[in-house]
Amino acid sequence: MKATIVLVLLLSASVLIAGCQHNSIPKQVDSSKLYYFKDSKTGICFAAINSFTHGSNYVTSIACVPCDSVKNIIK
């Protein structure tokens, strides 16, 4: 009986956690809104873009990029 109750509680918790996730299809990125920078400590280059999510949260997304590909546009 206890095992059944624990199983039901675990399943309920996993449904609640999974239900809070918002998945959407990525949209086309406007390349004029990308910002490129190089970390002075590591020498790694990044591309960043600022956006608002579905819940009006301000989010900055970054990705590592090859420095030789963006050396002319890094700020």
N, C-alpha and C. Protein backbone atom coordinates (compact mmCIF):
# COMPACT_ATOMS: atom_id res chain seq x y z
N MET A 1 0.82 -1.20 0.00
CA MET A 1 0.00 0.00 0.00
C MET A 1 0.87 1.26 0.00
N LYS A 2 1.91 1.25 0.85
CA LYS A 2 2.81 2.40 0.90
C LYS A 2 3.51 2.62 -0.44
N ALA A 3 3.89 1.51 -1.07
CA ALA A 3 4.57 1.62 -2.36
C ALA A 3 3.66 2.25 -3.42
N THR A 4 2.39 1.93 -3.37
CA THR A 4 1.43 2.50 -4.31
C THR A 4 1.28 4.00 -4.09
N ILE A 5 1.21 4.42 -2.86
CA ILE A 5 1.07 5.85 -2.55
C ILE A 5 2.32 6.62 -2.99
N VAL A 6 3.49 6.05 -2.71
CA VAL A 6 4.74 6.69 -3.11
C VAL A 6 4.81 6.79 -4.64
N LEU A 7 4.42 5.75 -5.34
CA LEU A 7 4.44 5.76 -6.80
C LEU A 7 3.50 6.82 -7.35
N VAL A 8 2.31 6.94 -6.79
CA VAL A 8 1.35 7.95 -7.24
C VAL A 8 1.89 9.36 -6.99
N LEU A 9 2.50 9.57 -5.83
CA LEU A 9 3.07 10.89 -5.52
C LEU A 9 4.22 11.23 -6.47
N LEU A 10 5.08 10.27 -6.75
CA LEU A 10 6.19 10.51 -7.69
C LEU A 10 5.68 10.81 -9.10
N LEU A 11 4.70 10.07 -9.55
CA LEU A 11 4.13 10.33 -10.87
C LEU A 11 3.46 11.70 -10.93
N SER A 12 2.77 12.07 -9.88
CA SER A 12 2.12 13.38 -9.83
C SER A 12 3.14 14.50 -9.87
N ALA A 13 4.23 14.34 -9.13
CA ALA A 13 5.28 15.35 -9.11
C ALA A 13 5.94 15.47 -10.48
N SER A 14 6.18 14.35 -11.15
CA SER A 14 6.83 14.41 -12.46
C SER A 14 5.92 15.05 -13.50
N VAL A 15 4.62 14.85 -13.40
CA VAL A 15 3.67 15.50 -14.31
C VAL A 15 3.67 17.00 -14.08
N LEU A 16 3.70 17.42 -12.84
CA LEU A 16 3.71 18.85 -12.54
C LEU A 16 4.99 19.52 -13.04
N ILE A 17 6.11 18.86 -12.84
CA ILE A 17 7.39 19.42 -13.29
C ILE A 17 7.43 19.49 -14.81
N ALA A 18 7.05 18.43 -15.48
CA ALA A 18 7.07 18.41 -16.94
C ALA A 18 6.04 19.36 -17.53
N GLY A 19 4.95 19.59 -16.83
CA GLY A 19 3.89 20.46 -17.33
C GLY A 19 4.27 21.93 -17.33
N CYS A 20 5.32 22.30 -16.61
CA CYS A 20 5.73 23.70 -16.55
C CYS A 20 6.67 24.10 -17.67
N GLN A 21 7.10 23.15 -18.45
CA GLN A 21 8.05 23.44 -19.51
C GLN A 21 7.30 23.98 -20.73
N HIS A 22 7.88 25.03 -21.36
CA HIS A 22 7.27 25.62 -22.55
C HIS A 22 8.20 25.38 -23.73
N ASN A 23 7.76 24.60 -24.68
CA ASN A 23 8.56 24.32 -25.87
C ASN A 23 7.92 25.00 -27.07
N SER A 24 8.76 25.62 -27.86
CA SER A 24 8.25 26.24 -29.08
C SER A 24 9.28 26.07 -30.19
N ILE A 25 8.83 26.22 -31.41
CA ILE A 25 9.70 26.10 -32.56
C ILE A 25 10.58 27.36 -32.64
N PRO A 26 11.90 27.18 -32.79
CA PRO A 26 12.77 28.36 -32.88
C PRO A 26 12.41 29.24 -34.08
N LYS A 27 12.52 30.53 -33.86
CA LYS A 27 12.21 31.48 -34.94
C LYS A 27 13.49 31.89 -35.64
N GLN A 28 13.35 32.47 -36.80
CA GLN A 28 14.50 32.98 -37.55
C GLN A 28 15.13 34.11 -36.75
N VAL A 29 16.45 34.08 -36.59
CA VAL A 29 17.16 35.09 -35.82
C VAL A 29 17.55 36.25 -36.74
N ASP A 30 17.29 37.47 -36.31
CA ASP A 30 17.72 38.66 -37.04
C ASP A 30 19.19 38.88 -36.73
N SER A 31 20.06 38.66 -37.71
CA SER A 31 21.50 38.72 -37.45
C SER A 31 21.97 40.10 -37.05
N SER A 32 21.20 41.14 -37.31
CA SER A 32 21.60 42.48 -36.90
C SER A 32 21.47 42.67 -35.39
N LYS A 33 20.76 41.77 -34.72
CA LYS A 33 20.59 41.86 -33.27
C LYS A 33 21.60 41.01 -32.50
N LEU A 34 22.47 40.30 -33.22
CA LEU A 34 23.50 39.51 -32.57
C LEU A 34 24.65 40.41 -32.15
N TYR A 35 25.23 40.09 -31.01
CA TYR A 35 26.37 40.82 -30.50
C TYR A 35 27.50 39.82 -30.28
N TYR A 36 28.66 40.10 -30.83
CA TYR A 36 29.80 39.21 -30.72
C TYR A 36 30.82 39.79 -29.74
N PHE A 37 31.40 38.94 -28.92
CA PHE A 37 32.42 39.40 -27.99
C PHE A 37 33.42 38.27 -27.71
N LYS A 38 34.58 38.66 -27.21
CA LYS A 38 35.64 37.71 -26.89
C LYS A 38 35.97 37.82 -25.41
N ASP A 39 35.99 36.69 -24.73
CA ASP A 39 36.33 36.67 -23.31
C ASP A 39 37.84 36.89 -23.17
N SER A 40 38.22 37.91 -22.42
CA SER A 40 39.63 38.26 -22.30
C SER A 40 40.44 37.23 -21.51
N LYS A 41 39.81 36.52 -20.61
CA LYS A 41 40.53 35.52 -19.82
C LYS A 41 40.80 34.23 -20.58
N THR A 42 39.81 33.77 -21.33
CA THR A 42 39.94 32.48 -22.01
C THR A 42 40.27 32.61 -23.49
N GLY A 43 39.98 33.77 -24.08
CA GLY A 43 40.19 33.95 -25.51
C GLY A 43 39.10 33.31 -26.36
N ILE A 44 38.01 32.88 -25.74
CA ILE A 44 36.91 32.24 -26.46
C ILE A 44 35.94 33.32 -26.94
N CYS A 45 35.45 33.16 -28.16
CA CYS A 45 34.51 34.13 -28.74
C CYS A 45 33.07 33.61 -28.59
N PHE A 46 32.16 34.56 -28.42
CA PHE A 46 30.75 34.22 -28.21
C PHE A 46 29.86 35.11 -29.08
N ALA A 47 28.68 34.61 -29.38
CA ALA A 47 27.61 35.39 -30.00
C ALA A 47 26.48 35.44 -28.98
N ALA A 48 25.88 36.60 -28.81
CA ALA A 48 24.79 36.77 -27.84
C ALA A 48 23.62 37.48 -28.49
N ILE A 49 22.43 37.16 -28.03
CA ILE A 49 21.22 37.84 -28.49
C ILE A 49 20.29 37.98 -27.29
N ASN A 50 19.62 39.10 -27.19
CA ASN A 50 18.66 39.36 -26.12
C ASN A 50 17.25 39.16 -26.66
N SER A 51 16.38 38.60 -25.83
CA SER A 51 15.01 38.37 -26.26
C SER A 51 14.09 38.32 -25.05
N PHE A 52 12.79 38.37 -25.34
CA PHE A 52 11.76 38.20 -24.31
C PHE A 52 11.10 36.85 -24.52
N THR A 53 10.84 36.15 -23.43
CA THR A 53 10.19 34.86 -23.53
C THR A 53 8.68 35.03 -23.52
N HIS A 54 8.00 33.91 -23.56
CA HIS A 54 6.53 33.90 -23.55
C HIS A 54 5.98 34.59 -22.30
N GLY A 55 6.67 34.45 -21.19
CA GLY A 55 6.23 35.06 -19.94
C GLY A 55 6.79 36.45 -19.72
N SER A 56 7.29 37.09 -20.75
CA SER A 56 7.87 38.43 -20.70
C SER A 56 9.11 38.51 -19.82
N ASN A 57 9.86 37.43 -19.76
CA ASN A 57 11.14 37.44 -19.06
C ASN A 57 12.23 37.84 -20.04
N TYR A 58 13.19 38.63 -19.58
CA TYR A 58 14.29 39.08 -20.41
C TYR A 58 15.38 38.01 -20.36
N VAL A 59 15.77 37.48 -21.51
CA VAL A 59 16.72 36.39 -21.59
C VAL A 59 17.85 36.74 -22.54
N THR A 60 19.08 36.47 -22.12
CA THR A 60 20.23 36.59 -23.00
C THR A 60 20.72 35.19 -23.32
N SER A 61 20.78 34.85 -24.59
CA SER A 61 21.26 33.55 -25.02
C SER A 61 22.63 33.73 -25.64
N ILE A 62 23.58 32.87 -25.27
CA ILE A 62 24.91 32.96 -25.83
C ILE A 62 25.33 31.61 -26.39
N ALA A 63 26.23 31.67 -27.37
CA ALA A 63 26.79 30.45 -27.96
C ALA A 63 28.24 30.73 -28.32
N CYS A 64 29.06 29.72 -28.18
CA CYS A 64 30.46 29.82 -28.55
C CYS A 64 30.56 29.81 -30.07
N VAL A 65 31.40 30.68 -30.62
CA VAL A 65 31.60 30.75 -32.07
C VAL A 65 33.10 30.74 -32.36
N PRO A 66 33.50 30.28 -33.54
CA PRO A 66 34.92 30.30 -33.90
C PRO A 66 35.43 31.74 -34.05
N CYS A 67 36.49 32.08 -33.34
CA CYS A 67 37.01 33.45 -33.36
C CYS A 67 37.44 33.89 -34.76
N ASP A 68 38.02 32.98 -35.53
CA ASP A 68 38.49 33.38 -36.86
C ASP A 68 37.33 33.71 -37.80
N SER A 69 36.13 33.22 -37.50
CA SER A 69 34.96 33.52 -38.34
C SER A 69 34.37 34.89 -38.05
N VAL A 70 34.62 35.43 -36.85
CA VAL A 70 34.01 36.70 -36.46
C VAL A 70 35.05 37.78 -36.12
N LYS A 71 36.30 37.55 -36.50
CA LYS A 71 37.36 38.48 -36.08
C LYS A 71 37.15 39.89 -36.60
N ASN A 72 36.45 40.07 -37.72
CA ASN A 72 36.22 41.41 -38.29
C ASN A 72 35.04 42.13 -37.66
N ILE A 73 34.20 41.40 -36.90
CA ILE A 73 33.01 42.06 -36.34
C ILE A 73 32.95 42.03 -34.83
N ILE A 74 33.97 41.48 -34.16
CA ILE A 74 33.97 41.45 -32.70
C ILE A 74 34.14 42.86 -32.16
N LYS A 75 33.33 43.17 -31.15
CA LYS A 75 33.36 44.51 -30.54
C LYS A 75 34.21 44.50 -29.30
